[in-house]
Amino acid sequence: GGRGAVGGLVLIVSPEGLDLWQELTVGTAACLCQALQARSPSEPAYALLSYAGPGPAGAKRPLVLISFCPDSAPVRARMLHSGAKPALRALAERAQLTVAK
């Protein structure tokens, strides 16, 4: 059996690399907010959302990259987070995923 469609991913940056924290079943702001509220409010994260807006049914849509880096995050976590964005974009590109600019 295959997996259902994924609406988005929430990723965290660790010293070892990018870690998948949670898959979102729907790519909406409400679903993302709910997932982020379940995390530590001082932990940075990235989200890749498959925007479920208007358009042709079944059309491949670009992913939207959202960065969350609260001021309350430790300095080391903020540095790791900011440095991971190019690697995240490259990873998406290698997986043949289109990330909106």
Protein backbone atom coordinates (compact mmCIF):
# COMPACT_ATOMS: atom_id res chain seq x y z
CA GLY A 1 0.00 0.00 0.00
CA GLY A 2 1.19 3.50 -0.88
CA ARG A 3 1.14 6.54 1.29
CA GLY A 4 -1.50 9.19 0.91
CA ALA A 5 -0.77 12.65 -0.40
CA VAL A 6 1.33 14.81 1.87
CA GLY A 7 0.27 18.45 2.25
CA GLY A 8 3.52 19.52 3.82
CA LEU A 9 6.54 18.73 5.94
CA VAL A 10 7.87 20.36 9.09
CA LEU A 11 11.64 20.01 9.37
CA ILE A 12 14.04 20.89 12.15
CA VAL A 13 17.75 21.52 11.84
CA SER A 14 20.05 19.60 14.14
CA PRO A 15 23.84 19.60 14.26
CA GLU A 16 23.64 16.35 12.26
CA GLY A 17 21.45 17.80 9.49
CA LEU A 18 17.78 18.22 8.58
CA ASP A 19 15.27 16.03 10.41
CA LEU A 20 11.66 15.42 9.46
CA TRP A 21 9.58 16.39 12.47
CA GLN A 22 6.06 15.96 11.12
CA GLU A 23 4.16 15.31 7.91
CA LEU A 24 1.09 17.47 7.36
CA THR A 25 -1.92 15.88 5.67
CA VAL A 26 -3.17 19.24 4.38
CA GLY A 27 -1.06 22.18 3.18
CA THR A 28 -2.97 24.93 4.95
CA ALA A 29 -1.93 27.64 7.37
CA ALA A 30 -4.28 26.22 10.03
CA CYS A 31 -2.69 22.75 9.80
CA LEU A 32 0.79 24.26 9.94
CA CYS A 33 -0.08 26.44 12.96
CA GLN A 34 -1.47 23.42 14.78
CA ALA A 35 1.73 21.46 14.14
CA LEU A 36 3.97 24.34 15.25
CA GLN A 37 1.99 24.85 18.46
CA ALA A 38 2.86 21.26 19.43
CA ARG A 39 6.57 22.10 19.29
CA SER A 40 8.82 24.07 21.58
CA PRO A 41 8.15 27.77 20.93
CA SER A 42 11.89 28.51 20.95
CA GLU A 43 12.90 25.87 18.38
CA PRO A 44 13.45 27.01 14.76
CA ALA A 45 11.81 25.02 11.98
CA TYR A 46 11.26 24.98 8.24
CA ALA A 47 8.03 23.99 6.58
CA LEU A 48 7.50 22.90 2.99
CA LEU A 49 3.84 23.27 2.08
CA SER A 50 2.08 21.98 -0.98
CA TYR A 51 -0.19 24.96 -1.39
CA ALA A 52 -3.78 23.80 -1.93
CA GLY A 53 -5.01 26.94 -3.70
CA PRO A 54 -6.99 27.40 -6.91
CA GLY A 55 -5.77 25.74 -10.05
CA PRO A 56 -6.34 22.73 -12.29
CA ALA A 57 -7.09 19.50 -10.45
CA GLY A 58 -4.07 17.21 -10.39
CA ALA A 59 -1.67 19.95 -11.50
CA LYS A 60 1.80 19.78 -9.95
CA ARG A 61 2.20 22.80 -7.71
CA PRO A 62 5.40 24.31 -6.35
CA LEU A 63 6.14 23.93 -2.68
CA VAL A 64 6.23 26.98 -0.47
CA LEU A 65 9.23 27.18 1.87
CA ILE A 66 8.44 28.84 5.20
CA SER A 67 11.09 29.59 7.82
CA PHE A 68 10.34 29.92 11.53
CA CYS A 69 13.17 31.20 13.69
CA PRO A 70 11.93 32.80 16.92
CA ASP A 71 14.03 35.41 18.71
CA SER A 72 13.91 33.18 21.79
CA ALA A 73 15.86 30.40 20.01
CA PRO A 74 19.39 29.80 21.28
CA VAL A 75 22.09 31.49 19.17
CA ARG A 76 23.55 28.16 18.00
CA ALA A 77 20.11 26.96 16.85
CA ARG A 78 19.53 30.21 14.92
CA MET A 79 22.92 29.89 13.23
CA LEU A 80 22.30 26.27 12.23
CA HIS A 81 18.84 27.19 10.99
CA SER A 82 19.99 30.06 8.79
CA GLY A 83 22.81 28.00 7.32
CA ALA A 84 20.51 25.10 6.41
CA LYS A 85 18.29 26.93 3.90
CA PRO A 86 20.60 26.43 0.87
CA ALA A 87 20.97 22.73 1.76
CA LEU A 88 17.20 22.37 2.06
CA ARG A 89 16.68 23.96 -1.37
CA ALA A 90 19.37 21.70 -2.89
CA LEU A 91 17.78 18.63 -1.31
CA ALA A 92 14.38 19.57 -2.76
CA GLU A 93 15.97 20.12 -6.17
CA ARG A 94 17.65 16.69 -6.09
CA ALA A 95 14.25 15.18 -5.26
CA GLN A 96 12.86 17.01 -8.31
CA LEU A 97 10.57 19.17 -6.16
CA THR A 98 9.87 22.72 -7.25
CA VAL A 99 10.14 25.26 -4.43
CA ALA A 100 8.52 28.64 -5.11
CA LYS A 101 10.90 31.57 -4.87
